[in-house]
């Protein structure tokens, strides 16, 4: 009895035998082995509190899940079985960490990954914009929809898609970061693939189609024909000039186009828009007969004129000679500017060559028709020197009306080499109207004609044999030019300066030297007076001859030889010498 009692007390104190403890430990460890972190497991709701839901997963302890992870908490009941995600067997406090939200995510994630592998189409809703695209709510998780994957057409307004439900295909899954990229464009392309083939198979030159403007470039417009793109070159947008396609069409605009050409293999389609409109040159001779007054915009300037667009596809040229009746226009920019709207008159029309000649000056009366009344022949006027040339002086009589004074009409008495010897640009000068050529638009003026012709007087003053002093004003190869009294120039040939040939005339004679002379020829018609030193010295005393020789460093000349006529001027010597 005592042994039995003692044995009973011992069992009560030990409660379990060693074998039983080992068995219990084995069962406990087996239970632990069936629960792994990072997995979805089933649990039972044992309590619903104000801040958390207590779930029993058959572990040594229960787990608490924040009530915020149950958007439908009213539908959750104690004793209900649900799936949870085991994040950790125990945290630092030894507590079990569970998540309902993570379990829902993992179920969706598995479906998303499976759809990526199978190509299954999923529905989602565009929720907000982000850099480069849109965030999509895909079965409860955030996915990224790049802007380039929204549609086959470029999308310029992402906001238009926010809140819109669409179909997507998962194109990329990043497991470590749990990122998903989706595409709607790929579904559209698949839908259009059949249409594209149908369009390409049915294309014909001259076929008229409807499309949407997809892109604008400097060289043309890309038009979406329903999955197939075609190009409208900038020259085929309009019959008129087009600097940029945006002047004619806008992005996403619906347009009608005609097929000009296509390459089946390269899938290149050439389209046109202007070809759907009548050619502007049809019946142009009826619409714009010669003499018609028109208005247009200056679209181009060249050195020789301005091109004016009368209407789209119809341009005319205003030559610089047709811009003003009176002005000497060197460049059209003096009269018109780019983009300016101008009026003009149709002068000529070449339908075959598609050329129109326009005139601006024809809008006003031709002032040259009344110039003869305003400037009668022989009338005297004062003008302004506007330009000097080698052959004369252009004088402005009034704004736009110029006349030419030829160099030979500048002076009665002077041998002028260049007009600059007499006048300068901007000088006022008196002139006489000599002639007016209306057809050639030329006015001939004279300056010397302001005074009477003095050569009638010179005929008496400079008779052959008349002695006279002359001052050298110019030395030329054939002799010297001298200024005589009364302001007239005369010519002294080299042969009449010395008894022996003068090798270098500038060694013996200089400008402003005064020479004793005698007239040996007078030509009123040709305005020429020829003089001679030798003829003057003939019959003079030897001392006069020696003084002349000494002053000009010449070879000695004897009075005897001069008196015998040995040095008389020959006809050939005088005729060869000319001051001109």
Protein backbone atom coordinates (compact mmCIF):
# COMPACT_ATOMS: atom_id res chain seq x y z
CA UNK A 1 0.00 0.00 0.00
CA UNK A 2 2.72 2.32 0.87
CA UNK A 3 4.53 1.53 -2.38
CA UNK A 4 1.37 1.97 -4.36
CA UNK A 5 0.66 5.30 -2.80
CA UNK A 6 4.11 6.48 -3.37
CA UNK A 7 3.90 5.36 -7.00
CA UNK A 8 0.62 7.21 -7.49
CA UNK A 9 1.97 10.41 -6.06
CA UNK A 10 4.99 10.14 -8.31
CA UNK A 11 2.76 9.82 -11.42
CA UNK A 12 0.70 12.78 -10.34
CA UNK A 13 3.81 14.88 -9.89
CA UNK A 14 5.28 13.84 -13.25
CA UNK A 15 1.94 14.00 -15.21
CA UNK A 16 3.63 12.66 -18.41
CA UNK A 17 6.16 9.93 -18.85
CA UNK A 18 9.32 10.45 -20.88
CA UNK A 19 7.87 8.51 -23.75
CA UNK A 20 4.73 10.60 -23.72
CA UNK A 21 6.73 13.83 -23.71
CA UNK A 22 8.74 12.66 -26.68
CA UNK A 23 5.56 11.79 -28.54
CA UNK A 24 3.99 15.14 -27.73
CA UNK A 25 7.14 16.99 -28.81
CA UNK A 26 7.15 15.08 -32.07
CA UNK A 27 3.53 15.99 -32.72
CA UNK A 28 4.21 19.67 -31.89
CA UNK A 29 7.21 19.83 -34.20
CA UNK A 30 5.15 18.21 -36.94
CA UNK A 31 2.56 20.93 -36.56
CA UNK A 32 5.24 23.58 -36.80
CA UNK A 33 6.65 22.02 -39.93
CA UNK A 34 3.41 22.46 -41.87
CA UNK A 35 3.36 26.26 -41.37
CA UNK A 36 5.88 28.28 -43.40
CA UNK A 37 6.48 32.02 -43.50
CA UNK A 38 5.57 33.78 -46.76
CA UNK A 39 2.66 31.51 -47.55
CA UNK A 40 -1.10 31.82 -47.68
CA UNK A 41 -2.78 29.67 -45.08
CA UNK A 42 -6.30 29.19 -43.74
CA UNK A 43 -7.37 30.45 -40.33
CA UNK A 44 -10.49 30.87 -38.23
CA UNK A 45 -11.80 34.15 -36.82
CA UNK A 46 -11.97 33.81 -33.03
CA UNK A 47 -12.55 37.44 -32.07
CA UNK A 48 -13.38 40.78 -33.71
CA UNK A 49 -12.20 43.78 -31.72
CA UNK A 50 -12.25 47.54 -32.25
CA UNK A 51 -8.78 47.65 -33.80
CA UNK A 52 -7.99 44.11 -34.88
CA UNK A 53 -9.32 40.71 -35.85
CA UNK A 54 -7.91 37.68 -33.97
CA UNK A 55 -7.31 34.65 -36.19
CA UNK A 56 -6.38 31.11 -35.12
CA UNK A 57 -4.25 29.25 -37.68
CA UNK A 58 -3.67 26.18 -35.44
CA UNK A 59 -0.40 27.50 -34.13
CA UNK A 60 0.75 27.79 -30.53
CA UNK A 61 -0.48 31.37 -30.53
CA UNK A 62 -3.11 33.35 -32.38
CA UNK A 63 -2.42 36.27 -34.77
CA UNK A 64 -3.89 39.77 -34.79
CA UNK A 65 -4.70 41.48 -38.12
CA UNK A 66 -5.43 45.26 -38.18
CA UNK A 67 -9.08 45.89 -38.84
CA UNK A 68 -8.05 48.35 -41.62
CA UNK A 69 -7.20 45.33 -43.77
CA UNK A 70 -10.88 44.34 -43.85
CA UNK A 71 -12.77 46.84 -46.04
CA UNK A 72 -15.86 44.61 -45.61
CA UNK A 73 -15.50 44.08 -41.84
CA UNK A 74 -19.29 44.03 -41.38
CA UNK A 75 -19.43 40.87 -43.43
CA UNK A 76 -16.83 39.07 -41.28
CA UNK A 77 -18.22 36.77 -38.55
CA UNK A 78 -16.58 34.99 -35.59
CA UNK A 79 -15.89 31.38 -36.53
CA UNK A 80 -15.61 32.24 -40.24
CA UNK A 81 -12.74 30.65 -42.11
CA UNK A 82 -10.59 32.88 -44.29
CA UNK A 83 -7.21 33.01 -46.01
CA UNK A 84 -4.35 35.00 -44.47
CA UNK A 85 -0.71 35.54 -45.26
CA UNK A 86 1.89 34.43 -42.75
CA UNK A 87 4.49 37.14 -42.69
CA UNK A 88 6.40 35.92 -39.61
CA UNK A 89 6.02 33.10 -37.05
CA UNK A 90 6.94 35.58 -34.37
CA UNK A 91 8.18 39.09 -34.11
CA UNK A 92 10.49 40.55 -31.46
CA UNK A 93 7.67 40.23 -28.96
CA UNK A 94 7.12 36.59 -29.85
CA UNK A 95 3.81 37.33 -31.60
CA UNK A 96 2.48 35.72 -34.79
CA UNK A 97 2.33 38.22 -37.74
CA UNK A 98 -0.57 37.72 -40.22
CA UNK A 99 -1.96 39.87 -43.09
CA UNK A 100 -5.29 39.69 -44.84
CA UNK A 101 -4.34 42.43 -47.34
CA UNK A 102 -1.16 40.63 -48.34
CA UNK A 103 -3.11 37.41 -48.87
CA UNK A 104 -5.50 39.21 -51.24
CA UNK A 105 -2.53 40.74 -53.07
CA UNK A 106 -0.79 37.40 -53.47
CA UNK A 107 -3.94 35.79 -54.92
CA UNK A 108 -4.16 38.66 -57.47
CA UNK A 109 -0.42 38.53 -58.10
CA UNK A 110 -0.65 34.86 -58.93
CA UNK A 111 -3.44 35.61 -61.40
CA UNK A 112 -1.44 38.45 -62.97
CA UNK A 113 1.66 36.28 -63.33
CA UNK A 114 -0.46 33.50 -64.82
CA UNK A 115 -2.04 35.94 -67.31
CA UNK A 116 1.43 37.09 -68.34
CA UNK A 117 2.37 33.49 -69.11
CA UNK A 118 -0.88 32.66 -70.89
CA UNK A 119 -1.57 36.03 -72.58
CA UNK A 120 -4.94 36.32 -70.89
CA UNK A 121 -6.63 39.72 -71.25
CA UNK A 122 -7.42 41.49 -67.96
CA UNK A 123 -9.64 44.45 -67.23
CA UNK A 124 -8.43 47.46 -65.29
CA UNK A 125 -9.23 51.07 -64.56
CA UNK A 126 -6.97 54.06 -65.20
CA UNK A 127 -6.69 55.83 -61.86
CA UNK A 128 -4.04 58.57 -62.13
CA UNK A 129 -1.34 60.09 -64.26
CA UNK A 130 2.31 59.52 -63.59
CA UNK A 131 5.54 60.42 -65.31
CA UNK A 132 5.52 58.85 -68.74
CA UNK A 133 2.16 57.10 -68.45
CA UNK A 134 -0.83 56.10 -66.32
CA UNK A 135 -1.27 54.02 -63.16
CA UNK A 136 -3.88 51.27 -63.70
CA UNK A 137 -5.86 49.48 -60.99
CA UNK A 138 -5.48 45.91 -62.21
CA UNK A 139 -7.57 43.56 -60.04
CA UNK A 140 -6.67 45.63 -57.00
CA UNK A 141 -2.95 46.11 -57.62
CA UNK A 142 -1.19 49.07 -59.27
CA UNK A 143 0.17 48.45 -62.76
CA UNK A 144 2.01 50.87 -65.05
CA UNK A 145 0.67 51.73 -68.51
CA UNK A 146 3.38 53.58 -70.54
CA UNK A 147 2.14 56.41 -72.73
CA UNK A 148 3.46 54.60 -75.81
CA UNK A 149 1.32 51.56 -74.95
CA UNK A 150 -2.04 53.33 -74.65
CA UNK A 151 -2.97 53.33 -78.33
CA UNK A 152 -1.53 52.88 -81.81
CA UNK A 153 -1.99 56.63 -82.31
CA UNK A 154 0.14 59.03 -80.30
CA UNK A 155 -1.76 60.10 -77.18
CA UNK A 156 -1.33 63.76 -76.26
CA UNK A 157 -3.93 64.03 -73.46
CA UNK A 158 -3.45 61.36 -70.77
CA UNK A 159 -6.11 62.95 -68.57
CA UNK A 160 -8.79 61.89 -71.04
CA UNK A 161 -8.21 58.26 -69.95
CA UNK A 162 -8.40 58.77 -66.18
CA UNK A 163 -11.35 56.84 -64.73
CA UNK A 164 -11.79 54.87 -67.93
CA UNK A 165 -12.06 51.06 -67.76
CA UNK A 166 -10.05 49.26 -70.45
CA UNK A 167 -8.67 45.88 -71.37
CA UNK A 168 -4.99 45.17 -70.98
CA UNK A 169 -2.40 42.53 -71.50
CA UNK A 170 0.45 42.06 -69.03
CA UNK A 171 3.68 42.58 -70.96
CA UNK A 172 6.22 42.60 -68.13
CA UNK A 173 6.39 41.27 -64.53
CA UNK A 174 9.18 42.13 -62.13
CA UNK A 175 9.02 39.62 -59.26
CA UNK A 176 11.54 41.15 -56.84
CA UNK A 177 9.91 44.58 -56.93
CA UNK A 178 6.43 43.25 -57.71
CA UNK A 179 5.99 45.72 -60.58
CA UNK A 180 3.65 45.08 -63.49
CA UNK A 181 3.67 46.75 -66.93
CA UNK A 182 0.55 46.48 -69.10
CA UNK A 183 -0.37 47.44 -72.67
CA UNK A 184 -3.61 48.34 -74.36
CA UNK A 185 -1.90 49.14 -77.66
CA UNK A 186 -0.98 45.51 -78.26
CA UNK A 187 -4.67 44.56 -78.19
CA UNK A 188 -5.53 47.35 -80.64
CA UNK A 189 -2.73 46.23 -82.96
CA UNK A 190 -4.02 42.67 -82.94
CA UNK A 191 -7.49 43.94 -83.74
CA UNK A 192 -6.12 46.07 -86.55
CA UNK A 193 -3.91 43.34 -88.00
CA UNK A 194 -6.79 41.94 -89.99
CA UNK A 195 -7.91 45.40 -91.06
CA UNK A 196 -4.35 46.25 -92.15
CA UNK A 197 -4.14 43.23 -94.42
CA UNK A 198 -7.59 43.97 -95.80
CA UNK A 199 -6.65 47.60 -96.52
CA UNK A 200 -3.34 46.70 -98.18
CA UNK A 201 -5.02 44.04 -100.33
CA UNK A 202 -7.72 46.45 -101.49
CA UNK A 203 -5.53 49.50 -102.18
CA UNK A 204 -5.75 51.00 -105.66
CA UNK A 205 -4.34 54.16 -107.21
CA UNK A 206 -6.97 56.86 -107.24
CA UNK A 207 -8.89 55.29 -104.36
CA UNK A 208 -10.38 57.85 -101.96
CA UNK A 209 -10.13 56.98 -98.26
CA UNK A 210 -10.76 58.56 -94.88
CA UNK A 211 -8.04 58.77 -92.28
CA UNK A 212 -6.82 60.55 -89.17
CA UNK A 213 -3.81 62.84 -88.99
CA UNK A 214 -1.31 60.88 -86.90
CA UNK A 215 1.84 63.01 -87.08
CA UNK A 216 3.14 66.23 -88.65
CA UNK A 217 6.68 66.61 -89.96
CA UNK A 218 8.50 69.30 -91.92
CA UNK A 219 8.14 67.22 -95.09
CA UNK A 220 4.54 66.07 -94.78
CA UNK A 221 1.69 64.44 -92.86
CA UNK A 222 1.32 60.82 -91.71
CA UNK A 223 -2.29 59.67 -91.96
CA UNK A 224 -3.66 56.59 -90.15
CA UNK A 225 -5.93 54.69 -92.54
CA UNK A 226 -7.07 52.22 -89.88
CA UNK A 227 -3.90 50.41 -88.87
CA UNK A 228 -1.89 51.41 -91.95
CA UNK A 229 -0.04 54.72 -92.21
CA UNK A 230 0.33 56.71 -95.41
CA UNK A 231 2.29 59.89 -96.16
CA UNK A 232 0.88 63.05 -97.69
CA UNK A 233 3.96 64.94 -98.88
CA UNK A 234 3.90 68.67 -98.18
CA UNK A 235 3.67 69.37 -101.92
CA UNK A 236 0.48 67.27 -102.12
CA UNK A 237 -1.35 69.06 -99.31
CA UNK A 238 -2.46 72.10 -101.28
CA UNK A 239 -2.21 73.61 -104.73
CA UNK A 240 -0.74 76.68 -103.06
CA UNK A 241 2.50 77.20 -101.20
CA UNK A 242 2.74 75.48 -97.79
CA UNK A 243 5.60 76.30 -95.40
CA UNK A 244 4.53 73.70 -92.83
CA UNK A 245 1.75 71.08 -92.81
CA UNK A 246 0.24 72.70 -89.70
CA UNK A 247 -1.01 75.47 -92.01
CA UNK A 248 -3.37 72.95 -93.63
CA UNK A 249 -4.22 70.21 -91.10
CA UNK A 250 -4.16 69.53 -87.36
CA UNK A 251 -3.27 66.48 -85.32
CA UNK A 252 -6.11 63.92 -84.97
CA UNK A 253 -8.10 65.70 -87.69
CA UNK A 254 -10.22 63.47 -89.92
CA UNK A 255 -9.28 64.01 -93.56
CA UNK A 256 -10.19 62.63 -96.96
CA UNK A 257 -7.24 61.57 -99.08
CA UNK A 258 -6.57 59.87 -102.41
CA UNK A 259 -4.08 57.05 -102.98
CA UNK A 260 -1.36 58.28 -105.36
CA UNK A 261 0.96 55.27 -105.20
CA UNK A 262 1.86 52.33 -102.91
CA UNK A 263 4.55 49.69 -102.44
CA UNK A 264 2.98 46.39 -101.30
CA UNK A 265 6.27 44.92 -100.10
CA UNK A 266 7.57 47.95 -98.21
CA UNK A 267 4.05 48.92 -97.16
CA UNK A 268 4.66 52.51 -98.26
CA UNK A 269 1.58 54.44 -99.26
CA UNK A 270 1.76 57.83 -100.98
CA UNK A 271 -1.33 59.96 -100.45
CA UNK A 272 -2.63 63.28 -101.71
CA UNK A 273 -5.14 65.89 -100.55
CA UNK A 274 -4.93 68.61 -103.16
CA UNK A 275 -5.81 66.08 -105.88
CA UNK A 276 -9.36 65.97 -104.48
CA UNK A 277 -9.78 69.65 -105.39
CA UNK A 278 -10.08 71.12 -108.92
CA UNK A 279 -6.82 72.37 -110.39
CA UNK A 280 -6.81 76.14 -109.89
CA UNK A 281 -5.52 76.76 -113.44
CA UNK A 282 -8.61 75.27 -115.04
CA UNK A 283 -10.49 78.00 -116.95
CA UNK A 284 -8.03 80.55 -115.57
CA UNK A 285 -8.26 82.64 -118.74
CA UNK A 286 -11.95 83.14 -117.98
CA UNK A 287 -11.41 83.89 -114.31
CA UNK A 288 -8.42 86.19 -114.75
CA UNK A 289 -8.44 87.77 -118.22
CA UNK A 290 -5.68 90.22 -119.16
CA UNK A 291 -6.35 93.64 -117.64
CA UNK A 292 -8.11 92.26 -114.54
CA UNK A 293 -7.28 93.98 -111.27
CA UNK A 294 -6.38 91.43 -108.55
CA UNK A 295 -5.13 91.32 -104.97
CA UNK A 296 -2.63 88.87 -103.54
CA UNK A 297 -0.03 88.17 -100.88
CA UNK A 298 3.70 88.51 -101.56
CA UNK A 299 5.11 84.98 -101.04
CA UNK A 300 8.61 85.33 -102.48
CA UNK A 301 11.15 88.04 -103.30
CA UNK A 302 13.91 87.67 -105.89
CA UNK A 303 16.44 90.07 -107.38
CA UNK A 304 14.22 90.53 -110.41
CA UNK A 305 10.76 90.81 -108.84
CA UNK A 306 8.10 89.65 -106.39
CA UNK A 307 5.88 86.56 -106.62
CA UNK A 308 2.30 87.20 -105.53
CA UNK A 309 -0.19 84.48 -104.59
CA UNK A 310 -3.54 85.49 -106.08
CA UNK A 311 -5.20 82.36 -104.69
CA UNK A 312 -3.99 78.92 -103.59
CA UNK A 313 -2.02 77.46 -106.47
CA UNK A 314 -2.04 80.61 -108.60
CA UNK A 315 0.95 82.94 -108.45
CA UNK A 316 2.05 85.81 -110.63
CA UNK A 317 5.31 87.72 -111.00
CA UNK A 318 5.59 91.47 -110.63
CA UNK A 319 8.86 92.31 -112.38
CA UNK A 320 10.77 95.23 -110.87
CA UNK A 321 10.28 97.09 -114.14
CA UNK A 322 6.51 96.88 -113.58
CA UNK A 323 6.53 98.31 -110.06
CA UNK A 324 6.90 102.00 -110.83
CA UNK A 325 6.64 104.29 -113.85
CA UNK A 326 9.40 106.56 -112.65
CA UNK A 327 11.52 105.02 -109.89
CA UNK A 328 14.68 103.10 -110.72
CA UNK A 329 14.10 100.05 -108.51
CA UNK A 330 17.12 97.86 -107.82
CA UNK A 331 15.34 95.32 -105.59
CA UNK A 332 11.63 94.63 -105.03
CA UNK A 333 12.08 95.06 -101.26
CA UNK A 334 12.21 98.82 -101.95
CA UNK A 335 8.50 98.64 -102.81
CA UNK A 336 6.96 95.49 -101.22
CA UNK A 337 7.67 93.12 -98.33
CA UNK A 338 7.04 89.43 -97.60
CA UNK A 339 3.46 88.73 -96.57
CA UNK A 340 2.20 92.12 -97.75
CA UNK A 341 -1.14 92.18 -99.56
CA UNK A 342 -0.79 94.15 -102.79
CA UNK A 343 -2.96 95.10 -105.74
CA UNK A 344 -1.88 94.47 -109.33
CA UNK A 345 -3.10 94.13 -112.90
CA UNK A 346 -2.91 90.99 -115.08
CA UNK A 347 -0.51 91.89 -117.92
CA UNK A 348 -0.15 88.51 -119.60
CA UNK A 349 -1.22 84.90 -119.05
CA UNK A 350 0.56 81.70 -120.13
CA UNK A 351 -1.78 78.83 -119.23
CA UNK A 352 0.48 76.08 -120.58
CA UNK A 353 3.55 77.40 -118.80
CA UNK A 354 1.47 78.36 -115.74
CA UNK A 355 2.91 81.86 -115.72
CA UNK A 356 1.18 85.15 -114.98
CA UNK A 357 2.79 88.54 -115.46
CA UNK A 358 1.53 91.23 -113.11
CA UNK A 359 2.01 94.98 -112.93
CA UNK A 360 1.64 97.48 -110.11
CA UNK A 361 2.45 100.69 -111.93
CA UNK A 362 -0.47 100.09 -114.31
CA UNK A 363 -2.83 100.94 -111.43
CA UNK A 364 -1.85 104.60 -111.91
CA UNK A 365 -1.69 106.82 -115.02
CA UNK A 366 1.62 106.79 -116.87
CA UNK A 367 3.28 110.11 -115.93
CA UNK A 368 5.52 109.90 -118.99
CA UNK A 369 2.51 110.60 -121.20
CA UNK A 370 2.29 114.09 -119.73
CA UNK A 371 6.02 114.79 -119.46
CA UNK A 372 6.16 116.60 -122.82
CA UNK A 373 3.59 119.05 -121.55
CA UNK A 374 5.38 119.52 -118.24
CA UNK A 375 8.87 119.55 -119.71
CA UNK A 376 8.72 120.98 -123.25
CA UNK A 377 11.82 120.77 -125.42
CA UNK A 378 14.22 123.63 -124.79
CA UNK A 379 12.77 124.49 -121.38
CA UNK A 380 15.18 125.18 -118.54
CA UNK A 381 14.98 123.44 -115.15
CA UNK A 382 16.98 122.89 -111.98
CA UNK A 383 17.68 119.33 -110.90
CA UNK A 384 19.74 117.35 -108.38
CA UNK A 385 22.72 115.23 -109.39
CA UNK A 386 21.79 111.66 -108.36
CA UNK A 387 24.51 109.62 -110.04
CA UNK A 388 27.76 110.04 -111.97
CA UNK A 389 29.00 107.67 -114.68
CA UNK A 390 31.88 107.72 -117.12
CA UNK A 391 29.55 108.85 -119.88
CA UNK A 392 27.49 111.46 -118.07
CA UNK A 393 25.38 112.71 -115.17
CA UNK A 394 21.91 111.52 -114.09
CA UNK A 395 19.87 114.47 -112.89
CA UNK A 396 16.57 114.13 -110.99
CA UNK A 397 14.04 116.68 -112.24
CA UNK A 398 11.38 115.52 -109.75
CA UNK A 399 10.83 112.43 -107.64
CA UNK A 400 11.13 109.44 -109.95
CA UNK A 401 11.92 111.47 -113.08
CA UNK A 402 15.61 111.42 -114.12
CA UNK A 403 17.37 112.65 -117.18
CA UNK A 404 20.91 112.20 -118.55
CA UNK A 405 23.38 114.96 -119.27
CA UNK A 406 25.94 113.40 -121.60
CA UNK A 407 29.55 114.26 -120.83
CA UNK A 408 29.75 116.12 -124.15
CA UNK A 409 26.88 118.41 -123.04
CA UNK A 410 28.48 119.54 -119.81
CA UNK A 411 30.70 122.32 -121.23
CA UNK A 412 31.12 124.26 -124.44
CA UNK A 413 34.79 124.97 -123.83
CA UNK A 414 36.35 122.25 -121.64
CA UNK A 415 37.60 118.83 -122.65
CA UNK A 416 36.07 116.85 -119.72
CA UNK A 417 37.38 113.38 -119.00
CA UNK A 418 34.91 112.56 -116.21
CA UNK A 419 31.74 114.38 -115.00
CA UNK A 420 33.26 114.54 -111.52
CA UNK A 421 35.48 117.35 -112.79
CA UNK A 422 32.38 119.53 -113.09
CA UNK A 423 29.76 118.37 -110.55
CA UNK A 424 29.37 116.17 -107.48
CA UNK A 425 26.56 113.92 -106.30
CA UNK A 426 23.89 116.00 -104.57
CA UNK A 427 24.77 119.24 -106.41
CA UNK A 428 22.00 121.31 -107.90
CA UNK A 429 22.51 121.90 -111.60
CA UNK A 430 20.69 123.83 -114.30
CA UNK A 431 19.72 121.87 -117.38
CA UNK A 432 17.86 122.21 -120.66
CA UNK A 433 15.45 119.58 -122.06
CA UNK A 434 17.03 118.32 -125.28
CA UNK A 435 14.72 115.35 -126.04
CA UNK A 436 12.16 112.99 -124.44
CA UNK A 437 11.69 109.38 -125.57
CA UNK A 438 8.44 108.19 -123.97
CA UNK A 439 8.73 104.61 -125.27
CA UNK A 440 12.27 104.13 -123.97
CA UNK A 441 11.65 106.23 -120.85
CA UNK A 442 14.63 108.47 -121.57
CA UNK A 443 15.14 112.19 -121.12
CA UNK A 444 18.19 113.82 -122.71
CA UNK A 445 19.41 116.93 -120.89
CA UNK A 446 22.07 119.53 -121.56
CA UNK A 447 23.97 121.72 -119.14
CA UNK A 448 26.14 123.74 -121.51
CA UNK A 449 23.00 124.73 -123.44
CA UNK A 450 22.03 126.98 -120.52
CA UNK A 451 24.47 129.46 -122.13
CA UNK A 452 24.77 130.56 -125.73
CA UNK A 453 27.24 128.70 -127.90
CA UNK A 454 30.45 130.78 -127.60
CA UNK A 455 32.10 129.27 -130.67
CA UNK A 456 30.57 131.93 -132.88
CA UNK A 457 32.53 134.47 -130.81
CA UNK A 458 35.61 132.25 -130.74
CA UNK A 459 35.60 132.20 -134.55
CA UNK A 460 36.47 135.91 -134.52
CA UNK A 461 38.77 135.81 -131.50
CA UNK A 462 40.84 132.81 -132.57
CA UNK A 463 41.39 133.20 -136.29
CA UNK A 464 44.33 131.38 -137.78
CA UNK A 465 47.50 133.37 -137.12
CA UNK A 466 46.19 135.01 -133.96
CA UNK A 467 48.87 135.16 -131.19
CA UNK A 468 47.66 134.21 -127.72
CA UNK A 469 49.01 133.02 -124.37
CA UNK A 470 47.85 129.66 -123.03
CA UNK A 471 48.26 128.04 -119.60
CA UNK A 472 48.94 124.31 -119.56
CA UNK A 473 46.08 122.48 -117.78
CA UNK A 474 46.84 118.92 -118.83
CA UNK A 475 49.73 117.01 -120.38
CA UNK A 476 48.85 114.10 -122.65
CA UNK A 477 50.86 111.68 -124.79
CA UNK A 478 50.42 113.69 -128.00
CA UNK A 479 50.97 117.14 -126.55
CA UNK A 480 49.50 119.57 -124.03
CA UNK A 481 46.06 121.03 -123.37
CA UNK A 482 46.10 124.75 -122.67
CA UNK A 483 43.47 127.12 -121.36
CA UNK A 484 43.07 130.20 -123.50
CA UNK A 485 41.45 133.52 -122.66
CA UNK A 486 37.63 133.32 -122.57
CA UNK A 487 37.95 129.93 -120.83
CA UNK A 488 38.28 127.75 -123.92
CA UNK A 489 40.75 124.88 -124.20
CA UNK A 490 43.21 124.49 -127.04
CA UNK A 491 45.63 121.82 -128.11
CA UNK A 492 49.36 122.11 -128.76
CA UNK A 493 50.86 119.06 -130.54
CA UNK A 494 54.33 117.85 -129.50
CA UNK A 495 55.62 118.78 -132.95
CA UNK A 496 54.67 122.41 -132.27
CA UNK A 497 56.46 122.68 -128.92
CA UNK A 498 60.09 122.23 -130.05
CA UNK A 499 62.38 122.19 -133.10
CA UNK A 500 63.60 118.69 -132.11
CA UNK A 501 61.41 115.81 -130.87
CA UNK A 502 60.67 115.95 -127.14
CA UNK A 503 61.41 112.54 -125.61
CA UNK A 504 59.67 113.14 -122.30
CA UNK A 505 57.30 116.07 -122.38
CA UNK A 506 56.98 116.21 -118.58
CA UNK A 507 60.71 116.94 -118.28
CA UNK A 508 60.27 120.21 -120.16
CA UNK A 509 56.66 121.26 -119.55
CA UNK A 510 54.52 121.35 -116.44
CA UNK A 511 50.93 122.15 -115.56
CA UNK A 512 50.37 125.90 -115.07
CA UNK A 513 53.27 126.80 -117.40
CA UNK A 514 52.28 129.67 -119.69
CA UNK A 515 53.19 129.23 -123.36
CA UNK A 516 53.39 131.86 -126.15
CA UNK A 517 51.17 130.50 -128.93
CA UNK A 518 49.69 131.17 -132.34
CA UNK A 519 46.47 129.68 -133.71
CA UNK A 520 47.22 127.35 -136.59
CA UNK A 521 43.79 125.64 -136.87
CA UNK A 522 40.22 126.53 -135.84
CA UNK A 523 37.35 124.03 -136.25
CA UNK A 524 34.03 125.46 -135.07
CA UNK A 525 31.98 122.33 -135.82
CA UNK A 526 34.29 119.99 -133.91
CA UNK A 527 35.00 122.55 -131.20
CA UNK A 528 38.75 122.36 -131.76
CA UNK A 529 41.53 124.96 -131.61
CA UNK A 530 45.09 123.87 -132.48
CA UNK A 531 48.04 126.11 -131.55
CA UNK A 532 51.79 126.23 -132.07
CA UNK A 533 54.75 127.71 -130.14
CA UNK A 534 57.01 127.39 -133.18
CA UNK A 535 54.67 129.46 -135.36
CA UNK A 536 54.57 132.12 -132.65
CA UNK A 537 58.40 132.22 -132.45
CA UNK A 538 58.79 132.40 -136.21
CA UNK A 539 60.09 135.92 -136.99
CA UNK A 540 60.82 136.76 -133.33
CA UNK A 541 64.24 137.88 -132.16
CA UNK A 542 66.78 135.20 -131.25
CA UNK A 543 66.70 136.33 -127.65
CA UNK A 544 63.00 135.46 -127.42
CA UNK A 545 63.71 132.04 -128.89
CA UNK A 546 66.64 131.43 -126.54
CA UNK A 547 64.57 132.47 -123.53
CA UNK A 548 61.86 129.93 -124.45
CA UNK A 549 64.50 127.21 -124.97
CA UNK A 550 66.13 127.97 -121.61
CA UNK A 551 62.84 128.02 -119.68
CA UNK A 552 61.87 124.56 -120.92
CA UNK A 553 65.33 122.93 -121.17
CA UNK A 554 65.01 122.25 -124.89
CA UNK A 555 67.61 121.73 -127.60
CA UNK A 556 68.81 125.04 -129.17
CA UNK A 557 66.75 126.47 -132.00
CA UNK A 558 68.09 129.09 -134.47
CA UNK A 559 66.06 131.99 -135.76
CA UNK A 560 67.53 131.46 -139.24
CA UNK A 561 66.12 127.94 -139.49
CA UNK A 562 62.76 129.07 -138.17
CA UNK A 563 62.60 131.97 -140.65
CA UNK A 564 63.30 129.55 -143.52
CA UNK A 565 60.20 127.59 -142.55
CA UNK A 566 62.13 124.46 -141.60
CA UNK A 567 59.86 123.98 -138.65
CA UNK A 568 56.50 124.80 -140.21
CA UNK A 569 53.77 122.39 -138.96
CA UNK A 570 52.82 119.67 -141.37
CA UNK A 571 49.22 118.71 -142.06
CA UNK A 572 49.82 115.19 -140.82
CA UNK A 573 51.35 116.43 -137.57
CA UNK A 574 48.31 118.52 -136.77
CA UNK A 575 45.74 115.97 -137.85
CA UNK A 576 47.36 113.18 -135.85
CA UNK A 577 47.35 115.28 -132.73
CA UNK A 578 44.03 115.34 -131.00
CA UNK A 579 43.10 116.48 -127.52
CA UNK A 580 40.25 113.92 -127.35
